[in-house]
Amino acid sequence: MVKLPGAEKMSSRKGKIIEGEWLLDETQKRVEEMMRSNEKWSEEDILKVSDTIAVAAIKYSFIKVSVGKDVIFDFEKATSFDGDTGPYLQYVYARCNSILTEASSRENKISEVVLDPHTKELLRVIGKYRGILLSSAVNYSPSTLCSYLFDLGQTFNAFYQNVRVLDSENREFLLKVVEATAHTMKHGLNILGIKVVEKM
């Protein structure tokens, strides 16, 4: 069952139904308002990606809940760029993409690398992806994949805060790690039917 905070469950028998079109429109309005309050977004960019972010907010809020549990759709929480939300995962991917774009020149040569704890942990989480994907599919549990992607996002952000990728002597190796994170996040979101946003 699905309901809004403080509201009764949706029920076709009782005529208490929230239409999908209304939910999408209302979510998109709130996403656009939030984006306009952040002056880094141009109006063109807002109109281009707000619907993609709104769909991500709705889809993720629904499928992150374990089967059998009620879904409570909270507009404010679902559209946040921070926390266990679709827009947050899109933001993580966009941040990876930003780093890779900023690294305009790349070299193929990678010398011996001494891994720091944050890079080690990120690689460990990336390495779990195939097993999580299989478990999610076998058990018909998209929420398992959602939990993993959120964990990946948090692990990457810890890495981002503590490792200076572009200034590191291990730059090329670290860029490969960022690239692997982006690929894993994009693939996982696509499996869930959620599109990524290249720039946020």
C-alpha atoms as a PDB file:
ATOM      1  CA  MET A   1       0.000   0.000   0.000  1.00  0.00           C
ATOM      2  CA  VAL A   2       1.064   3.597  -0.657  1.00  0.00           C
ATOM      3  CA  LYS A   3       0.208   6.662   1.363  1.00  0.00           C
ATOM      4  CA  LEU A   4       1.397  10.196   1.986  1.00  0.00           C
ATOM      5  CA  PRO A   5       2.659  11.166   5.462  1.00  0.00           C
ATOM      6  CA  GLY A   6      -0.293  11.555   7.836  1.00  0.00           C
ATOM      7  CA  ALA A   7      -2.748  10.259   5.238  1.00  0.00           C
ATOM      8  CA  GLU A   8      -4.715   7.047   4.910  1.00  0.00           C
ATOM      9  CA  LYS A   9      -3.565   4.261   2.611  1.00  0.00           C
ATOM     10  CA  MET A  10      -4.576   4.407  -1.018  1.00  0.00           C
ATOM     11  CA  SER A  11      -7.694   2.324  -1.546  1.00  0.00           C
ATOM     12  CA  SER A  12      -9.593   1.829  -4.794  1.00  0.00           C
ATOM     13  CA  ARG A  13     -12.549   0.413  -2.851  1.00  0.00           C
ATOM     14  CA  LYS A  14     -12.835   3.573  -0.778  1.00  0.00           C
ATOM     15  CA  GLY A  15     -12.113   5.837  -3.739  1.00  0.00           C
ATOM     16  CA  LYS A  16      -8.994   7.209  -2.076  1.00  0.00           C
ATOM     17  CA  ILE A  17      -6.494   7.110  -4.895  1.00  0.00           C
ATOM     18  CA  ILE A  18      -3.521   9.343  -5.704  1.00  0.00           C
ATOM     19  CA  GLU A  19      -3.173   9.489  -9.467  1.00  0.00           C
ATOM     20  CA  GLY A  20       0.285   8.834 -10.889  1.00  0.00           C
ATOM     21  CA  GLU A  21       0.135  11.912 -13.119  1.00  0.00           C
ATOM     22  CA  TRP A  22      -0.642  14.156 -10.133  1.00  0.00           C
ATOM     23  CA  LEU A  23       2.178  12.596  -8.098  1.00  0.00           C
ATOM     24  CA  LEU A  24       4.695  13.123 -10.912  1.00  0.00           C
ATOM     25  CA  ASP A  25       3.582  16.718 -11.561  1.00  0.00           C
ATOM     26  CA  GLU A  26       3.675  17.612  -7.879  1.00  0.00           C
ATOM     27  CA  THR A  27       7.085  16.002  -7.408  1.00  0.00           C
ATOM     28  CA  GLN A  28       8.498  17.768 -10.460  1.00  0.00           C
ATOM     29  CA  LYS A  29       7.211  21.132  -9.180  1.00  0.00           C
ATOM     30  CA  ARG A  30       9.004  20.591  -5.887  1.00  0.00           C
ATOM     31  CA  VAL A  31      12.205  19.504  -7.616  1.00  0.00           C
ATOM     32  CA  GLU A  32      12.130  22.628  -9.794  1.00  0.00           C
ATOM     33  CA  GLU A  33      11.538  24.870  -6.769  1.00  0.00           C
ATOM     34  CA  MET A  34      14.470  23.292  -4.963  1.00  0.00           C
ATOM     35  CA  MET A  35      16.719  23.635  -8.017  1.00  0.00           C
ATOM     36  CA  ARG A  36      15.762  27.309  -8.473  1.00  0.00           C
ATOM     37  CA  SER A  37      16.612  28.013  -4.843  1.00  0.00           C
ATOM     38  CA  ASN A  38      20.130  26.825  -5.667  1.00  0.00           C
ATOM     39  CA  GLU A  39      21.491  29.483  -7.977  1.00  0.00           C
ATOM     40  CA  LYS A  40      23.951  27.168  -9.735  1.00  0.00           C
ATOM     41  CA  TRP A  41      21.180  25.807 -11.990  1.00  0.00           C
ATOM     42  CA  SER A  42      20.221  27.621 -15.195  1.00  0.00           C
ATOM     43  CA  GLU A  43      16.571  27.643 -16.207  1.00  0.00           C
ATOM     44  CA  GLU A  44      17.471  25.592 -19.282  1.00  0.00           C
ATOM     45  CA  ASP A  45      19.114  22.890 -17.150  1.00  0.00           C
ATOM     46  CA  ILE A  46      16.169  22.841 -14.743  1.00  0.00           C
ATOM     47  CA  LEU A  47      13.683  22.233 -17.541  1.00  0.00           C
ATOM     48  CA  LYS A  48      15.989  19.623 -19.084  1.00  0.00           C
ATOM     49  CA  VAL A  49      16.523  17.378 -16.065  1.00  0.00           C
ATOM     50  CA  SER A  50      13.800  18.110 -13.480  1.00  0.00           C
ATOM     51  CA  ASP A  51      11.480  15.430 -14.874  1.00  0.00           C
ATOM     52  CA  THR A  52      14.288  12.825 -14.787  1.00  0.00           C
ATOM     53  CA  ILE A  53      15.049  13.708 -11.168  1.00  0.00           C
ATOM     54  CA  ALA A  54      11.346  13.641 -10.239  1.00  0.00           C
ATOM     55  CA  VAL A  55      10.867  10.178 -11.748  1.00  0.00           C
ATOM     56  CA  ALA A  56      13.967   8.977  -9.894  1.00  0.00           C
ATOM     57  CA  ALA A  57      12.584  10.357  -6.624  1.00  0.00           C
ATOM     58  CA  ILE A  58       9.286   8.515  -7.048  1.00  0.00           C
ATOM     59  CA  LYS A  59      10.626   5.217  -8.379  1.00  0.00           C
ATOM     60  CA  TYR A  60      13.353   4.911  -5.787  1.00  0.00           C
ATOM     61  CA  SER A  61      10.988   5.749  -2.915  1.00  0.00           C
ATOM     62  CA  PHE A  62       8.711   2.921  -4.014  1.00  0.00           C
ATOM     63  CA  ILE A  63      11.238   0.193  -4.785  1.00  0.00           C
ATOM     64  CA  LYS A  64      13.602   0.770  -1.844  1.00  0.00           C
ATOM     65  CA  VAL A  65      10.869  -0.506   0.481  1.00  0.00           C
ATOM     66  CA  SER A  66      10.919  -4.243   1.163  1.00  0.00           C
ATOM     67  CA  VAL A  67       8.101  -6.322  -0.305  1.00  0.00           C
ATOM     68  CA  GLY A  68       5.130  -6.492   2.044  1.00  0.00           C
ATOM     69  CA  LYS A  69       5.767  -3.147   3.723  1.00  0.00           C
ATOM     70  CA  ASP A  70       3.720   0.027   3.228  1.00  0.00           C
ATOM     71  CA  VAL A  71       5.246   2.818   1.127  1.00  0.00           C
ATOM     72  CA  ILE A  72       5.020   6.274   2.680  1.00  0.00           C
ATOM     73  CA  PHE A  73       5.867   8.829   0.020  1.00  0.00           C
ATOM     74  CA  ASP A  74       7.253  11.978   1.635  1.00  0.00           C
ATOM     75  CA  PHE A  75       7.840  14.716  -0.958  1.00  0.00           C
ATOM     76  CA  GLU A  76      10.539  16.494   1.046  1.00  0.00           C
ATOM     77  CA  LYS A  77      12.536  13.362   1.825  1.00  0.00           C
ATOM     78  CA  ALA A  78      12.100  11.776  -1.622  1.00  0.00           C
ATOM     79  CA  THR A  79      13.349  14.831  -3.534  1.00  0.00           C
ATOM     80  CA  SER A  80      16.338  15.531  -1.266  1.00  0.00           C
ATOM     81  CA  PHE A  81      19.827  15.404  -2.778  1.00  0.00           C
ATOM     82  CA  ASP A  82      21.066  14.046   0.529  1.00  0.00           C
ATOM     83  CA  GLY A  83      20.181  10.691   2.083  1.00  0.00           C
ATOM     84  CA  ASP A  84      18.667   7.456   0.812  1.00  0.00           C
ATOM     85  CA  THR A  85      16.964   8.883  -2.286  1.00  0.00           C
ATOM     86  CA  GLY A  86      17.020   8.561  -6.064  1.00  0.00           C
ATOM     87  CA  PRO A  87      18.238  12.153  -6.576  1.00  0.00           C
ATOM     88  CA  TYR A  88      21.119  11.535  -4.149  1.00  0.00           C
ATOM     89  CA  LEU A  89      22.303   8.538  -6.182  1.00  0.00           C
ATOM     90  CA  GLN A  90      21.999  10.575  -9.379  1.00  0.00           C
ATOM     91  CA  TYR A  91      24.105  13.255  -7.691  1.00  0.00           C
ATOM     92  CA  VAL A  92      26.802  10.717  -6.783  1.00  0.00           C
ATOM     93  CA  TYR A  93      27.000   9.630 -10.427  1.00  0.00           C
ATOM     94  CA  ALA A  94      27.135  13.265 -11.593  1.00  0.00           C
ATOM     95  CA  ARG A  95      29.942  13.976  -9.118  1.00  0.00           C
ATOM     96  CA  CYS A  96      31.945  11.050 -10.532  1.00  0.00           C
ATOM     97  CA  ASN A  97      31.311  12.338 -14.022  1.00  0.00           C
ATOM     98  CA  SER A  98      32.459  15.825 -13.005  1.00  0.00           C
ATOM     99  CA  ILE A  99      35.795  14.484 -11.750  1.00  0.00           C
ATOM    100  CA  LEU A 100      36.336  12.476 -14.929  1.00  0.00           C
ATOM    101  CA  THR A 101      35.460  15.497 -17.088  1.00  0.00           C
ATOM    102  CA  GLU A 102      37.825  17.740 -15.120  1.00  0.00           C
ATOM    103  CA  ALA A 103      40.639  15.267 -15.726  1.00  0.00           C
ATOM    104  CA  SER A 104      40.971  16.433 -19.318  1.00  0.00           C
ATOM    105  CA  SER A 105      44.190  14.525 -20.008  1.00  0.00           C
ATOM    106  CA  ARG A 106      44.540  10.842 -19.176  1.00  0.00           C
ATOM    107  CA  GLU A 107      47.441   8.419 -19.310  1.00  0.00           C
ATOM    108  CA  ASN A 108      47.209   4.667 -19.664  1.00  0.00           C
ATOM    109  CA  LYS A 109      50.309   3.964 -17.603  1.00  0.00           C
ATOM    110  CA  ILE A 110      49.650   3.050 -13.957  1.00  0.00           C
ATOM    111  CA  SER A 111      52.571   2.477 -11.634  1.00  0.00           C
ATOM    112  CA  GLU A 112      52.546   0.483  -8.396  1.00  0.00           C
ATOM    113  CA  VAL A 113      49.959   1.910  -5.992  1.00  0.00           C
ATOM    114  CA  VAL A 114      49.775   1.984  -2.204  1.00  0.00           C
ATOM    115  CA  LEU A 115      46.091   2.088  -1.314  1.00  0.00           C
ATOM    116  CA  ASP A 116      44.707   4.359   1.383  1.00  0.00           C
ATOM    117  CA  PRO A 117      41.822   3.076   3.577  1.00  0.00           C
ATOM    118  CA  HIS A 118      39.116   5.066   1.730  1.00  0.00           C
ATOM    119  CA  THR A 119      40.138   3.748  -1.677  1.00  0.00           C
ATOM    120  CA  LYS A 120      40.354   0.217  -0.300  1.00  0.00           C
ATOM    121  CA  GLU A 121      36.841   0.449   1.109  1.00  0.00           C
ATOM    122  CA  LEU A 122      35.424   1.860  -2.119  1.00  0.00           C
ATOM    123  CA  LEU A 123      37.004  -0.965  -4.128  1.00  0.00           C
ATOM    124  CA  ARG A 124      35.613  -3.488  -1.648  1.00  0.00           C
ATOM    125  CA  VAL A 125      32.075  -2.126  -2.093  1.00  0.00           C
ATOM    126  CA  ILE A 126      32.387  -2.011  -5.898  1.00  0.00           C
ATOM    127  CA  GLY A 127      33.546  -5.630  -5.815  1.00  0.00           C
ATOM    128  CA  LYS A 128      30.312  -6.706  -4.108  1.00  0.00           C
ATOM    129  CA  TYR A 129      28.124  -5.480  -6.970  1.00  0.00           C
ATOM    130  CA  ARG A 130      27.724  -8.665  -9.025  1.00  0.00           C
ATOM    131  CA  GLY A 131      26.785 -10.698  -5.961  1.00  0.00           C
ATOM    132  CA  ILE A 132      24.254  -8.089  -4.842  1.00  0.00           C
ATOM    133  CA  LEU A 133      22.769  -7.930  -8.336  1.00  0.00           C
ATOM    134  CA  LEU A 134      22.337 -11.709  -8.402  1.00  0.00           C
ATOM    135  CA  SER A 135      20.803 -11.767  -4.915  1.00  0.00           C
ATOM    136  CA  SER A 136      18.400  -8.972  -5.814  1.00  0.00           C
ATOM    137  CA  ALA A 137      17.273 -10.793  -8.957  1.00  0.00           C
ATOM    138  CA  VAL A 138      16.986 -14.283  -7.444  1.00  0.00           C
ATOM    139  CA  ASN A 139      14.979 -13.011  -4.478  1.00  0.00           C
ATOM    140  CA  TYR A 140      12.831 -10.568  -6.503  1.00  0.00           C
ATOM    141  CA  SER A 141      14.089  -7.864  -4.164  1.00  0.00           C
ATOM    142  CA  PRO A 142      14.919  -4.519  -5.796  1.00  0.00           C
ATOM    143  CA  SER A 143      15.249  -3.048  -2.305  1.00  0.00           C
ATOM    144  CA  THR A 144      18.452  -5.109  -1.898  1.00  0.00           C
ATOM    145  CA  LEU A 145      19.973  -3.324  -4.884  1.00  0.00           C
ATOM    146  CA  CYS A 146      18.723   0.038  -3.563  1.00  0.00           C
ATOM    147  CA  SER A 147      20.455  -0.544  -0.220  1.00  0.00           C
ATOM    148  CA  TYR A 148      23.674  -1.463  -2.008  1.00  0.00           C
ATOM    149  CA  LEU A 149      23.637   1.635  -4.240  1.00  0.00           C
ATOM    150  CA  PHE A 150      23.086   3.872  -1.220  1.00  0.00           C
ATOM    151  CA  ASP A 151      26.024   2.181   0.503  1.00  0.00           C
ATOM    152  CA  LEU A 152      28.118   2.726  -2.637  1.00  0.00           C
ATOM    153  CA  GLY A 153      27.099   6.392  -2.691  1.00  0.00           C
ATOM    154  CA  GLN A 154      28.063   6.936   0.931  1.00  0.00           C
ATOM    155  CA  THR A 155      31.353   5.100   0.495  1.00  0.00           C
ATOM    156  CA  PHE A 156      32.198   7.167  -2.575  1.00  0.00           C
ATOM    157  CA  ASN A 157      31.414  10.419  -0.771  1.00  0.00           C
ATOM    158  CA  ALA A 158      33.754   9.443   2.077  1.00  0.00           C
ATOM    159  CA  PHE A 159      36.401   8.718  -0.579  1.00  0.00           C
ATOM    160  CA  TYR A 160      35.683  12.055  -2.293  1.00  0.00           C
ATOM    161  CA  GLN A 161      36.037  13.997   0.955  1.00  0.00           C
ATOM    162  CA  ASN A 162      39.331  12.392   1.915  1.00  0.00           C
ATOM    163  CA  VAL A 163      41.184  11.609  -1.316  1.00  0.00           C
ATOM    164  CA  ARG A 164      42.420  14.352  -3.648  1.00  0.00           C
ATOM    165  CA  VAL A 165      42.075  12.410  -6.873  1.00  0.00           C
ATOM    166  CA  LEU A 166      43.305  14.958  -9.383  1.00  0.00           C
ATOM    167  CA  ASP A 167      46.306  16.052  -7.310  1.00  0.00           C
ATOM    168  CA  SER A 168      47.412  12.576  -6.276  1.00  0.00           C
ATOM    169  CA  GLU A 169      50.559  10.830  -7.471  1.00  0.00           C
ATOM    170  CA  ASN A 170      48.196   7.865  -7.996  1.00  0.00           C
ATOM    171  CA  ARG A 171      45.938  10.030 -10.166  1.00  0.00           C
ATOM    172  CA  GLU A 172      45.474   7.603 -13.054  1.00  0.00           C
ATOM    173  CA  PHE A 173      44.644   4.681 -10.776  1.00  0.00           C
ATOM    174  CA  LEU A 174      42.206   6.776  -8.724  1.00  0.00           C
ATOM    175  CA  LEU A 175      40.485   7.994 -11.892  1.00  0.00           C
ATOM    176  CA  LYS A 176      39.940   4.330 -12.811  1.00  0.00           C
ATOM    177  CA  VAL A 177      38.338   3.830  -9.392  1.00  0.00           C
ATOM    178  CA  VAL A 178      36.048   6.830  -9.966  1.00  0.00           C
ATOM    179  CA  GLU A 179      35.224   5.480 -13.426  1.00  0.00           C
ATOM    180  CA  ALA A 180      34.327   2.086 -11.934  1.00  0.00           C
ATOM    181  CA  THR A 181      32.111   3.786  -9.342  1.00  0.00           C
ATOM    182  CA  ALA A 182      30.292   5.745 -12.042  1.00  0.00           C
ATOM    183  CA  HIS A 183      29.818   2.636 -14.181  1.00  0.00           C
ATOM    184  CA  THR A 184      28.480   0.616 -11.249  1.00  0.00           C
ATOM    185  CA  MET A 185      26.106   3.371 -10.125  1.00  0.00           C
ATOM    186  CA  LYS A 186      24.787   3.944 -13.651  1.00  0.00           C
ATOM    187  CA  HIS A 187      24.299   0.229 -14.311  1.00  0.00           C
ATOM    188  CA  GLY A 188      22.534  -0.280 -10.985  1.00  0.00           C
ATOM    189  CA  LEU A 189      20.208   2.673 -11.508  1.00  0.00           C
ATOM    190  CA  ASN A 190      19.423   1.547 -15.044  1.00  0.00           C
ATOM    191  CA  ILE A 191      18.517  -1.914 -13.704  1.00  0.00           C
ATOM    192  CA  LEU A 192      16.042  -0.137 -11.397  1.00  0.00           C
ATOM    193  CA  GLY A 193      14.632   1.816 -14.339  1.00  0.00           C
ATOM    194  CA  ILE A 194      16.183   5.098 -13.224  1.00  0.00           C
ATOM    195  CA  LYS A 195      18.088   7.337 -15.624  1.00  0.00           C
ATOM    196  CA  VAL A 196      21.267   9.141 -14.579  1.00  0.00           C
ATOM    197  CA  VAL A 197      21.893  12.866 -14.900  1.00  0.00           C
ATOM    198  CA  GLU A 198      25.290  13.748 -16.348  1.00  0.00           C
ATOM    199  CA  LYS A 199      25.598  17.097 -14.570  1.00  0.00           C
ATOM    200  CA  MET A 200      24.112  18.276 -11.290  1.00  0.00           C
END
